[in-house]
């Protein structure tokens, strides 16, 4: 598994395509995909939005992510960092941020490569360009 994380609009998708050799047409969008698509997708973008949708459906993002890591270990997961800034007043927003952070930790633990993209520049936190 490979994990690409960073702030919104930092070039994560382009970096993932370049680093891991796939086309944007092969990416499943977590904002709108059918949940089951994640288990066979080559790449899932906006995983933080998929988590938000799971919570809205009453499903456990942690259970879903655990299953994803077990069943789709070759996937590239792209997710926005959402835990920075002011802590939300609404309990539901705090829960969403916490669940997203926990899922990100689970994905990074299961990944052989973790990349943080800042201003379009990939910074390898785990693994490297030449490792498979």
N, C-alpha and C. Protein backbone atom coordinates (compact mmCIF):
# COMPACT_ATOMS: atom_id res chain seq x y z
N UNK A 1 0.85 -1.16 0.00
CA UNK A 1 0.00 0.00 0.00
C UNK A 1 0.90 1.23 0.00
N UNK A 2 0.40 2.28 -0.63
CA UNK A 2 1.12 3.55 -0.68
C UNK A 2 0.14 4.63 -0.22
N UNK A 3 0.64 5.59 0.56
CA UNK A 3 -0.20 6.63 1.17
C UNK A 3 0.38 7.98 0.82
N UNK A 4 -0.45 8.83 0.22
CA UNK A 4 -0.05 10.18 -0.15
C UNK A 4 -0.95 11.14 0.62
N UNK A 5 -0.34 12.01 1.40
CA UNK A 5 -1.10 12.89 2.29
C UNK A 5 -0.54 14.31 2.18
N UNK A 6 -1.37 15.27 2.48
CA UNK A 6 -0.95 16.67 2.47
C UNK A 6 -2.15 17.57 2.50
N UNK A 7 -1.91 18.85 2.54
CA UNK A 7 -2.99 19.83 2.57
C UNK A 7 -3.78 19.84 1.27
N UNK A 8 -4.92 20.49 1.33
CA UNK A 8 -5.76 20.63 0.13
C UNK A 8 -5.01 21.40 -0.95
N UNK A 9 -5.18 20.97 -2.18
CA UNK A 9 -4.64 21.67 -3.36
C UNK A 9 -3.11 21.79 -3.34
N UNK A 10 -2.44 20.76 -2.85
CA UNK A 10 -0.98 20.77 -2.79
C UNK A 10 -0.33 19.95 -3.90
N UNK A 11 -1.14 19.34 -4.77
CA UNK A 11 -0.59 18.56 -5.88
C UNK A 11 -0.43 17.08 -5.57
N UNK A 12 -1.21 16.58 -4.63
CA UNK A 12 -1.10 15.18 -4.23
C UNK A 12 -1.42 14.22 -5.36
N UNK A 13 -2.48 14.48 -6.10
CA UNK A 13 -2.90 13.58 -7.17
C UNK A 13 -1.85 13.51 -8.27
N UNK A 14 -1.37 14.64 -8.71
CA UNK A 14 -0.33 14.66 -9.75
C UNK A 14 0.93 13.97 -9.27
N UNK A 15 1.30 14.20 -8.03
CA UNK A 15 2.50 13.55 -7.48
C UNK A 15 2.32 12.04 -7.43
N UNK A 16 1.15 11.59 -7.00
CA UNK A 16 0.88 10.14 -6.92
C UNK A 16 0.96 9.50 -8.29
N UNK A 17 0.36 10.15 -9.29
CA UNK A 17 0.39 9.61 -10.65
C UNK A 17 1.83 9.50 -11.15
N UNK A 18 2.61 10.52 -10.92
CA UNK A 18 4.00 10.53 -11.38
C UNK A 18 4.85 9.51 -10.62
N UNK A 19 4.71 9.48 -9.31
CA UNK A 19 5.54 8.60 -8.49
C UNK A 19 5.23 7.12 -8.69
N UNK A 20 3.94 6.80 -8.85
CA UNK A 20 3.53 5.40 -8.84
C UNK A 20 3.03 4.90 -10.19
N UNK A 21 3.13 5.75 -11.23
CA UNK A 21 2.93 5.30 -12.60
C UNK A 21 1.53 4.91 -13.00
N UNK A 22 0.56 5.74 -12.71
CA UNK A 22 -0.78 5.49 -13.21
C UNK A 22 -1.38 6.78 -13.71
N UNK A 23 -2.51 6.67 -14.41
CA UNK A 23 -3.20 7.80 -15.01
C UNK A 23 -4.37 8.21 -14.13
N UNK A 24 -4.73 9.48 -14.17
CA UNK A 24 -5.84 9.98 -13.37
C UNK A 24 -7.15 9.25 -13.67
N UNK A 25 -7.28 8.67 -14.86
CA UNK A 25 -8.50 7.94 -15.21
C UNK A 25 -8.65 6.65 -14.39
N UNK A 26 -7.57 6.21 -13.76
CA UNK A 26 -7.59 4.99 -12.96
C UNK A 26 -7.92 5.25 -11.48
N UNK A 27 -8.22 6.50 -11.15
CA UNK A 27 -8.45 6.89 -9.76
C UNK A 27 -9.94 6.85 -9.42
N UNK A 28 -10.25 6.25 -8.29
CA UNK A 28 -11.61 6.24 -7.74
C UNK A 28 -11.72 7.45 -6.81
N UNK A 29 -12.81 8.19 -6.94
CA UNK A 29 -13.01 9.39 -6.13
C UNK A 29 -13.80 9.04 -4.86
N UNK A 30 -13.17 9.19 -3.71
CA UNK A 30 -13.81 8.89 -2.44
C UNK A 30 -15.03 9.73 -2.13
N UNK A 31 -15.19 10.85 -2.81
CA UNK A 31 -16.35 11.72 -2.60
C UNK A 31 -17.63 11.13 -3.14
N UNK A 32 -17.51 10.27 -4.16
CA UNK A 32 -18.72 9.80 -4.85
C UNK A 32 -18.74 8.31 -5.15
N UNK A 33 -17.67 7.60 -4.93
CA UNK A 33 -17.61 6.19 -5.34
C UNK A 33 -18.55 5.32 -4.51
N UNK A 34 -18.86 4.17 -5.07
CA UNK A 34 -19.54 3.13 -4.31
C UNK A 34 -18.49 2.58 -3.35
N UNK A 35 -18.85 2.42 -2.08
CA UNK A 35 -17.87 2.02 -1.07
C UNK A 35 -17.08 0.77 -1.47
N UNK A 36 -17.75 -0.20 -2.06
CA UNK A 36 -17.09 -1.46 -2.40
C UNK A 36 -16.00 -1.30 -3.45
N UNK A 37 -16.07 -0.22 -4.26
CA UNK A 37 -15.03 0.03 -5.26
C UNK A 37 -13.66 0.16 -4.63
N UNK A 38 -13.62 0.64 -3.40
CA UNK A 38 -12.34 0.87 -2.72
C UNK A 38 -11.54 -0.41 -2.56
N UNK A 39 -12.21 -1.54 -2.47
CA UNK A 39 -11.52 -2.80 -2.20
C UNK A 39 -10.81 -3.37 -3.42
N UNK A 40 -11.06 -2.80 -4.61
CA UNK A 40 -10.38 -3.25 -5.82
C UNK A 40 -9.71 -2.11 -6.58
N UNK A 41 -9.85 -0.89 -6.10
CA UNK A 41 -9.31 0.28 -6.81
C UNK A 41 -7.79 0.30 -6.79
N UNK A 42 -7.22 0.76 -7.88
CA UNK A 42 -5.77 0.95 -7.96
C UNK A 42 -5.37 2.16 -7.11
N UNK A 43 -6.23 3.19 -7.13
CA UNK A 43 -5.97 4.41 -6.38
C UNK A 43 -7.29 5.01 -5.90
N UNK A 44 -7.30 5.49 -4.67
CA UNK A 44 -8.48 6.17 -4.11
C UNK A 44 -8.06 7.58 -3.73
N UNK A 45 -8.69 8.56 -4.34
CA UNK A 45 -8.45 9.95 -4.02
C UNK A 45 -9.52 10.43 -3.04
N UNK A 46 -9.22 11.46 -2.29
CA UNK A 46 -10.16 12.06 -1.33
C UNK A 46 -10.67 11.03 -0.32
N UNK A 47 -9.75 10.25 0.23
CA UNK A 47 -10.16 9.24 1.20
C UNK A 47 -10.80 9.88 2.43
N UNK A 48 -10.41 11.10 2.75
CA UNK A 48 -11.04 11.81 3.87
C UNK A 48 -12.53 12.04 3.62
N UNK A 49 -12.92 12.22 2.37
CA UNK A 49 -14.35 12.38 2.02
C UNK A 49 -15.08 11.04 2.12
N UNK A 50 -14.41 9.97 1.75
CA UNK A 50 -15.01 8.64 1.89
C UNK A 50 -15.29 8.37 3.37
N UNK A 51 -14.37 8.74 4.24
CA UNK A 51 -14.56 8.58 5.69
C UNK A 51 -15.77 9.40 6.15
N UNK A 52 -15.88 10.61 5.67
CA UNK A 52 -17.02 11.48 6.02
C UNK A 52 -18.34 10.83 5.60
N UNK A 53 -18.35 10.22 4.42
CA UNK A 53 -19.56 9.56 3.93
C UNK A 53 -19.88 8.31 4.75
N UNK A 54 -18.87 7.56 5.15
CA UNK A 54 -19.09 6.38 5.99
C UNK A 54 -19.73 6.79 7.32
N UNK A 55 -19.22 7.83 7.92
CA UNK A 55 -19.78 8.32 9.20
C UNK A 55 -21.23 8.72 9.01
N UNK A 56 -21.53 9.42 7.90
CA UNK A 56 -22.91 9.85 7.63
C UNK A 56 -23.85 8.65 7.46
N UNK A 57 -23.30 7.54 6.96
CA UNK A 57 -24.09 6.31 6.76
C UNK A 57 -24.20 5.48 8.04
N UNK A 58 -23.47 5.88 9.08
CA UNK A 58 -23.49 5.13 10.33
C UNK A 58 -22.53 3.96 10.35
N UNK A 59 -21.64 3.89 9.37
CA UNK A 59 -20.65 2.81 9.29
C UNK A 59 -19.38 3.23 10.03
N UNK A 60 -18.58 2.26 10.41
CA UNK A 60 -17.32 2.53 11.10
C UNK A 60 -16.19 2.74 10.11
N UNK A 61 -15.62 3.96 10.04
CA UNK A 61 -14.48 4.18 9.16
C UNK A 61 -13.26 3.33 9.54
N UNK A 62 -13.10 3.06 10.83
CA UNK A 62 -11.97 2.25 11.26
C UNK A 62 -12.09 0.81 10.77
N UNK A 63 -13.28 0.24 10.89
CA UNK A 63 -13.51 -1.12 10.39
C UNK A 63 -13.33 -1.17 8.87
N UNK A 64 -13.86 -0.16 8.18
CA UNK A 64 -13.74 -0.10 6.72
C UNK A 64 -12.27 -0.01 6.32
N UNK A 65 -11.52 0.86 6.99
CA UNK A 65 -10.10 1.05 6.66
C UNK A 65 -9.29 -0.20 6.96
N UNK A 66 -9.61 -0.87 8.05
CA UNK A 66 -8.93 -2.12 8.39
C UNK A 66 -9.16 -3.16 7.29
N UNK A 67 -10.40 -3.25 6.82
CA UNK A 67 -10.73 -4.18 5.74
C UNK A 67 -10.02 -3.78 4.44
N UNK A 68 -9.98 -2.49 4.16
CA UNK A 68 -9.30 -1.99 2.96
C UNK A 68 -7.83 -2.38 2.99
N UNK A 69 -7.17 -2.16 4.12
CA UNK A 69 -5.75 -2.50 4.24
C UNK A 69 -5.52 -4.00 4.05
N UNK A 70 -6.44 -4.81 4.53
CA UNK A 70 -6.30 -6.27 4.41
C UNK A 70 -6.59 -6.77 3.00
N UNK A 71 -7.55 -6.14 2.32
CA UNK A 71 -8.00 -6.66 1.03
C UNK A 71 -7.40 -5.97 -0.20
N UNK A 72 -6.88 -4.76 -0.04
CA UNK A 72 -6.35 -4.03 -1.19
C UNK A 72 -4.99 -3.44 -0.86
N UNK A 73 -4.07 -4.32 -0.53
CA UNK A 73 -2.75 -3.90 -0.09
C UNK A 73 -1.88 -3.25 -1.16
N UNK A 74 -2.31 -3.27 -2.41
CA UNK A 74 -1.54 -2.61 -3.48
C UNK A 74 -2.07 -1.24 -3.83
N UNK A 75 -3.11 -0.79 -3.15
CA UNK A 75 -3.74 0.49 -3.49
C UNK A 75 -2.86 1.69 -3.10
N UNK A 76 -3.08 2.77 -3.82
CA UNK A 76 -2.52 4.07 -3.47
C UNK A 76 -3.67 4.87 -2.88
N UNK A 77 -3.50 5.37 -1.67
CA UNK A 77 -4.53 6.14 -0.99
C UNK A 77 -4.07 7.59 -0.90
N UNK A 78 -4.91 8.51 -1.36
CA UNK A 78 -4.62 9.94 -1.31
C UNK A 78 -5.62 10.58 -0.35
N UNK A 79 -5.10 11.33 0.63
CA UNK A 79 -5.98 11.92 1.63
C UNK A 79 -5.49 13.30 2.05
N UNK A 80 -6.43 14.21 2.21
CA UNK A 80 -6.10 15.54 2.73
C UNK A 80 -5.82 15.46 4.22
N UNK A 81 -4.88 16.27 4.68
CA UNK A 81 -4.69 16.46 6.11
C UNK A 81 -5.80 17.41 6.57
N UNK A 82 -6.55 17.01 7.57
CA UNK A 82 -7.65 17.87 8.01
C UNK A 82 -7.58 18.21 9.50
N UNK A 83 -6.54 17.78 10.18
CA UNK A 83 -6.47 17.96 11.62
C UNK A 83 -5.79 19.24 12.08
N UNK A 84 -5.39 20.08 11.16
CA UNK A 84 -4.71 21.32 11.54
C UNK A 84 -5.73 22.44 11.74
N UNK A 85 -5.33 23.46 12.43
CA UNK A 85 -6.20 24.63 12.60
C UNK A 85 -7.03 24.57 13.87
N UNK A 86 -8.05 25.35 13.88
CA UNK A 86 -8.92 25.49 15.05
C UNK A 86 -9.75 24.23 15.23
N UNK A 87 -9.87 23.78 16.48
CA UNK A 87 -10.68 22.62 16.80
C UNK A 87 -12.15 23.01 16.63
N UNK A 88 -12.90 22.23 15.84
CA UNK A 88 -14.31 22.58 15.61
C UNK A 88 -15.14 22.55 16.90
N UNK A 89 -16.14 23.40 16.95
CA UNK A 89 -17.06 23.46 18.08
C UNK A 89 -18.00 22.26 18.06
N UNK A 90 -18.45 21.90 16.88
CA UNK A 90 -19.42 20.81 16.75
C UNK A 90 -18.77 19.45 17.02
N UNK A 91 -19.43 18.67 17.86
CA UNK A 91 -18.93 17.34 18.22
C UNK A 91 -18.77 16.45 16.99
N UNK A 92 -19.71 16.53 16.05
CA UNK A 92 -19.64 15.68 14.86
C UNK A 92 -18.40 15.99 14.02
N UNK A 93 -18.02 17.25 13.96
CA UNK A 93 -16.82 17.64 13.20
C UNK A 93 -15.55 17.17 13.90
N UNK A 94 -15.55 17.27 15.23
CA UNK A 94 -14.40 16.77 15.98
C UNK A 94 -14.26 15.26 15.79
N UNK A 95 -15.39 14.54 15.78
CA UNK A 95 -15.36 13.09 15.57
C UNK A 95 -14.81 12.77 14.18
N UNK A 96 -15.27 13.52 13.18
CA UNK A 96 -14.81 13.28 11.81
C UNK A 96 -13.30 13.46 11.70
N UNK A 97 -12.78 14.51 12.32
CA UNK A 97 -11.34 14.74 12.29
C UNK A 97 -10.58 13.64 13.01
N UNK A 98 -11.10 13.22 14.14
CA UNK A 98 -10.43 12.16 14.90
C UNK A 98 -10.44 10.85 14.13
N UNK A 99 -11.59 10.49 13.57
CA UNK A 99 -11.70 9.24 12.80
C UNK A 99 -10.77 9.29 11.59
N UNK A 100 -10.71 10.42 10.93
CA UNK A 100 -9.84 10.57 9.76
C UNK A 100 -8.37 10.40 10.16
N UNK A 101 -7.99 11.00 11.27
CA UNK A 101 -6.63 10.86 11.75
C UNK A 101 -6.28 9.42 12.10
N UNK A 102 -7.21 8.74 12.76
CA UNK A 102 -6.98 7.34 13.12
C UNK A 102 -6.86 6.46 11.88
N UNK A 103 -7.72 6.72 10.89
CA UNK A 103 -7.64 5.96 9.63
C UNK A 103 -6.32 6.23 8.92
N UNK A 104 -5.88 7.47 8.93
CA UNK A 104 -4.60 7.82 8.32
C UNK A 104 -3.45 7.08 8.99
N UNK A 105 -3.49 6.98 10.31
CA UNK A 105 -2.46 6.23 11.04
C UNK A 105 -2.48 4.77 10.65
N UNK A 106 -3.68 4.21 10.50
CA UNK A 106 -3.81 2.80 10.13
C UNK A 106 -3.25 2.57 8.72
N UNK A 107 -3.58 3.47 7.80
CA UNK A 107 -3.10 3.35 6.42
C UNK A 107 -1.58 3.50 6.36
N UNK A 108 -1.05 4.48 7.08
CA UNK A 108 0.41 4.68 7.04
C UNK A 108 1.15 3.50 7.65
N UNK A 109 0.57 2.89 8.66
CA UNK A 109 1.18 1.71 9.27
C UNK A 109 1.20 0.53 8.29
N UNK A 110 0.14 0.40 7.50
CA UNK A 110 0.04 -0.70 6.53
C UNK A 110 0.81 -0.43 5.24
N UNK A 111 1.25 0.80 5.04
CA UNK A 111 1.90 1.20 3.79
C UNK A 111 3.40 0.98 3.82
N UNK A 112 3.94 0.60 2.66
CA UNK A 112 5.39 0.52 2.54
C UNK A 112 5.98 1.87 2.17
N UNK A 113 5.15 2.76 1.62
CA UNK A 113 5.58 4.09 1.23
C UNK A 113 4.56 5.11 1.71
N UNK A 114 5.05 6.15 2.39
CA UNK A 114 4.20 7.26 2.82
C UNK A 114 4.86 8.54 2.33
N UNK A 115 4.08 9.34 1.59
CA UNK A 115 4.60 10.57 1.00
C UNK A 115 3.72 11.73 1.44
N UNK A 116 4.34 12.80 1.91
CA UNK A 116 3.61 14.03 2.21
C UNK A 116 3.96 15.00 1.10
N UNK A 117 2.94 15.59 0.48
CA UNK A 117 3.15 16.53 -0.62
C UNK A 117 2.91 17.94 -0.11
N UNK A 118 3.93 18.78 -0.30
CA UNK A 118 3.88 20.17 0.14
C UNK A 118 4.25 21.03 -1.06
N UNK A 119 3.34 21.89 -1.50
CA UNK A 119 3.59 22.77 -2.64
C UNK A 119 4.05 21.99 -3.86
N UNK A 120 3.46 20.81 -4.07
CA UNK A 120 3.79 19.98 -5.21
C UNK A 120 5.06 19.16 -5.07
N UNK A 121 5.73 19.28 -3.93
CA UNK A 121 6.98 18.56 -3.72
C UNK A 121 6.73 17.35 -2.83
N UNK A 122 7.00 16.15 -3.35
CA UNK A 122 6.81 14.95 -2.52
C UNK A 122 7.96 14.78 -1.53
N UNK A 123 7.61 14.59 -0.27
CA UNK A 123 8.58 14.35 0.78
C UNK A 123 8.31 12.95 1.32
N UNK A 124 9.27 12.05 1.19
CA UNK A 124 9.08 10.67 1.60
C UNK A 124 9.26 10.56 3.12
N UNK A 125 8.20 10.11 3.78
CA UNK A 125 8.25 9.91 5.23
C UNK A 125 8.57 8.46 5.56
N UNK A 126 8.22 7.57 4.65
CA UNK A 126 8.45 6.12 4.84
C UNK A 126 8.69 5.52 3.46
N UNK A 127 9.68 4.66 3.35
CA UNK A 127 9.99 4.10 2.04
C UNK A 127 10.73 5.13 1.20
N UNK A 128 10.75 4.90 -0.09
CA UNK A 128 11.46 5.83 -0.96
C UNK A 128 11.13 5.60 -2.40
N UNK A 129 11.65 6.43 -3.25
CA UNK A 129 11.38 6.35 -4.69
C UNK A 129 11.78 5.01 -5.29
N UNK A 130 12.86 4.45 -4.86
CA UNK A 130 13.38 3.24 -5.50
C UNK A 130 12.97 1.96 -4.79
N UNK A 131 12.14 2.08 -3.77
CA UNK A 131 11.70 0.88 -3.04
C UNK A 131 10.36 0.44 -3.56
N UNK A 132 10.11 -0.86 -3.60
CA UNK A 132 8.83 -1.40 -4.03
C UNK A 132 8.09 -1.97 -2.86
